[in-house]
Amino acid sequence: MNESPPSDPDDFQKELEILRSILQKNLQHTKENPLLGTQLEFWLESARFLELDIKIWDQAGNEYQESRARERIRKVLDTLQELVNRMNEERGDGKSNP
């Protein structure tokens, strides 16, 4: 399996901020495609939850649970990126954003 190695919370935060910025710029498109907008909203909330989950397990000193949360947030961020790519394709941009 080619899984991305877990990153530190700052990396997750930066990636999430970039994705939020992209979505904010394209807010109108999410209104035109409510299903895509709902999916994006769900995955953004999931990422927020997992950010907190990582912090909690880090503070508790539970490396196993923290590592699992990092793996899950990586998958959530990958899903968000796929949705952003789909949104761009629907708009005809064909651009792939970070």
C-alpha atoms as a PDB file:
ATOM      1  CA  MET A   1       0.000   0.000   0.000  1.00  0.00           C
ATOM      2  CA  ASN A   2       1.218   3.503  -0.841  1.00  0.00           C
ATOM      3  CA  GLU A   3      -0.081   5.434   2.147  1.00  0.00           C
ATOM      4  CA  SER A   4       1.181   8.900   2.894  1.00  0.00           C
ATOM      5  CA  PRO A   5       3.166   9.027   6.112  1.00  0.00           C
ATOM      6  CA  PRO A   6       1.352  10.805   8.920  1.00  0.00           C
ATOM      7  CA  SER A   7       2.258  14.479   9.089  1.00  0.00           C
ATOM      8  CA  ASP A   8       2.320  16.771  12.058  1.00  0.00           C
ATOM      9  CA  PRO A   9      -0.811  18.757  13.005  1.00  0.00           C
ATOM     10  CA  ASP A  10       0.644  21.961  11.532  1.00  0.00           C
ATOM     11  CA  ASP A  11       0.867  20.284   8.119  1.00  0.00           C
ATOM     12  CA  PHE A  12      -2.727  19.099   8.394  1.00  0.00           C
ATOM     13  CA  GLN A  13      -3.796  22.582   9.446  1.00  0.00           C
ATOM     14  CA  LYS A  14      -2.025  24.202   6.489  1.00  0.00           C
ATOM     15  CA  GLU A  15      -3.536  21.753   4.025  1.00  0.00           C
ATOM     16  CA  LEU A  16      -6.984  22.247   5.515  1.00  0.00           C
ATOM     17  CA  GLU A  17      -6.612  26.034   5.327  1.00  0.00           C
ATOM     18  CA  ILE A  18      -5.667  25.791   1.631  1.00  0.00           C
ATOM     19  CA  LEU A  19      -8.690  23.611   0.901  1.00  0.00           C
ATOM     20  CA  ARG A  20     -10.990  25.969   2.839  1.00  0.00           C
ATOM     21  CA  SER A  21      -9.617  28.917   0.884  1.00  0.00           C
ATOM     22  CA  ILE A  22     -10.271  27.154  -2.416  1.00  0.00           C
ATOM     23  CA  LEU A  23     -13.800  26.304  -1.338  1.00  0.00           C
ATOM     24  CA  GLN A  24     -14.471  29.852  -0.174  1.00  0.00           C
ATOM     25  CA  LYS A  25     -13.457  31.178  -3.599  1.00  0.00           C
ATOM     26  CA  ASN A  26     -15.785  28.657  -5.243  1.00  0.00           C
ATOM     27  CA  LEU A  27     -18.719  29.007  -2.865  1.00  0.00           C
ATOM     28  CA  GLN A  28     -21.094  29.845  -5.709  1.00  0.00           C
ATOM     29  CA  HIS A  29     -20.395  26.522  -7.409  1.00  0.00           C
ATOM     30  CA  THR A  30     -21.295  24.599  -4.258  1.00  0.00           C
ATOM     31  CA  LYS A  31     -24.649  26.388  -4.321  1.00  0.00           C
ATOM     32  CA  GLU A  32     -25.147  25.259  -7.914  1.00  0.00           C
ATOM     33  CA  ASN A  33     -24.373  21.644  -6.963  1.00  0.00           C
ATOM     34  CA  PRO A  34     -25.956  21.100  -3.519  1.00  0.00           C
ATOM     35  CA  LEU A  35     -24.869  17.451  -3.299  1.00  0.00           C
ATOM     36  CA  LEU A  36     -21.222  18.384  -3.802  1.00  0.00           C
ATOM     37  CA  GLY A  37     -21.624  21.243  -1.334  1.00  0.00           C
ATOM     38  CA  THR A  38     -23.059  18.864   1.274  1.00  0.00           C
ATOM     39  CA  GLN A  39     -20.207  16.414   0.747  1.00  0.00           C
ATOM     40  CA  LEU A  40     -17.625  19.167   1.089  1.00  0.00           C
ATOM     41  CA  GLU A  41     -19.275  20.444   4.258  1.00  0.00           C
ATOM     42  CA  PHE A  42     -19.341  16.945   5.760  1.00  0.00           C
ATOM     43  CA  TRP A  43     -15.680  16.255   5.049  1.00  0.00           C
ATOM     44  CA  LEU A  44     -14.599  19.693   6.322  1.00  0.00           C
ATOM     45  CA  GLU A  45     -16.393  19.011   9.600  1.00  0.00           C
ATOM     46  CA  SER A  46     -14.784  15.568   9.734  1.00  0.00           C
ATOM     47  CA  ALA A  47     -11.357  17.166   9.349  1.00  0.00           C
ATOM     48  CA  ARG A  48     -12.138  19.640  12.139  1.00  0.00           C
ATOM     49  CA  PHE A  49     -13.174  16.792  14.412  1.00  0.00           C
ATOM     50  CA  LEU A  50     -10.040  14.804  13.649  1.00  0.00           C
ATOM     51  CA  GLU A  51      -7.792  17.821  14.303  1.00  0.00           C
ATOM     52  CA  LEU A  52      -9.242  17.950  17.797  1.00  0.00           C
ATOM     53  CA  ASP A  53      -8.980  14.169  18.135  1.00  0.00           C
ATOM     54  CA  ILE A  54      -5.241  14.331  17.370  1.00  0.00           C
ATOM     55  CA  LYS A  55      -4.739  17.053  19.994  1.00  0.00           C
ATOM     56  CA  ILE A  56      -6.676  15.110  22.619  1.00  0.00           C
ATOM     57  CA  TRP A  57      -4.727  11.883  22.085  1.00  0.00           C
ATOM     58  CA  ASP A  58      -1.455  13.819  21.998  1.00  0.00           C
ATOM     59  CA  GLN A  59      -2.240  15.440  25.340  1.00  0.00           C
ATOM     60  CA  ALA A  60      -3.322  12.088  26.764  1.00  0.00           C
ATOM     61  CA  GLY A  61      -0.040  10.569  25.602  1.00  0.00           C
ATOM     62  CA  ASN A  62      -1.781   7.784  23.688  1.00  0.00           C
ATOM     63  CA  GLU A  63       0.470   7.388  20.649  1.00  0.00           C
ATOM     64  CA  TYR A  64      -1.560   4.558  19.148  1.00  0.00           C
ATOM     65  CA  GLN A  65      -4.837   6.516  19.087  1.00  0.00           C
ATOM     66  CA  GLU A  66      -3.051   9.656  17.919  1.00  0.00           C
ATOM     67  CA  SER A  67      -1.492   7.725  15.045  1.00  0.00           C
ATOM     68  CA  ARG A  68      -4.895   6.309  14.069  1.00  0.00           C
ATOM     69  CA  ALA A  69      -6.392   9.812  14.088  1.00  0.00           C
ATOM     70  CA  ARG A  70      -3.528  11.032  11.874  1.00  0.00           C
ATOM     71  CA  GLU A  71      -4.217   8.233   9.390  1.00  0.00           C
ATOM     72  CA  ARG A  72      -7.907   9.122   9.335  1.00  0.00           C
ATOM     73  CA  ILE A  73      -7.288  12.839   8.807  1.00  0.00           C
ATOM     74  CA  ARG A  74      -4.941  12.028   5.925  1.00  0.00           C
ATOM     75  CA  LYS A  75      -7.778  10.084   4.269  1.00  0.00           C
ATOM     76  CA  VAL A  76     -10.233  12.923   4.941  1.00  0.00           C
ATOM     77  CA  LEU A  77      -7.898  15.507   3.411  1.00  0.00           C
ATOM     78  CA  ASP A  78      -7.369  13.259   0.384  1.00  0.00           C
ATOM     79  CA  THR A  79     -11.149  12.966  -0.010  1.00  0.00           C
ATOM     80  CA  LEU A  80     -11.528  16.740   0.240  1.00  0.00           C
ATOM     81  CA  GLN A  81      -8.897  17.176  -2.453  1.00  0.00           C
ATOM     82  CA  GLU A  82     -10.759  14.747  -4.715  1.00  0.00           C
ATOM     83  CA  LEU A  83     -13.982  16.716  -4.208  1.00  0.00           C
ATOM     84  CA  VAL A  84     -12.210  20.003  -4.989  1.00  0.00           C
ATOM     85  CA  ASN A  85     -10.803  18.412  -8.150  1.00  0.00           C
ATOM     86  CA  ARG A  86     -14.291  17.245  -9.121  1.00  0.00           C
ATOM     87  CA  MET A  87     -15.655  20.735  -8.507  1.00  0.00           C
ATOM     88  CA  ASN A  88     -12.944  22.194 -10.760  1.00  0.00           C
ATOM     89  CA  GLU A  89     -13.670  19.650 -13.470  1.00  0.00           C
ATOM     90  CA  GLU A  90     -17.382  20.477 -13.361  1.00  0.00           C
ATOM     91  CA  ARG A  91     -16.527  24.151 -13.731  1.00  0.00           C
ATOM     92  CA  GLY A  92     -14.284  23.297 -16.662  1.00  0.00           C
ATOM     93  CA  ASP A  93     -11.134  24.578 -14.952  1.00  0.00           C
ATOM     94  CA  GLY A  94      -9.251  21.317 -15.187  1.00  0.00           C
ATOM     95  CA  LYS A  95      -6.880  22.706 -12.572  1.00  0.00           C
ATOM     96  CA  SER A  96      -5.628  20.561  -9.741  1.00  0.00           C
ATOM     97  CA  ASN A  97      -5.163  22.478  -6.516  1.00  0.00           C
ATOM     98  CA  PRO A  98      -2.885  21.506  -3.592  1.00  0.00           C
END
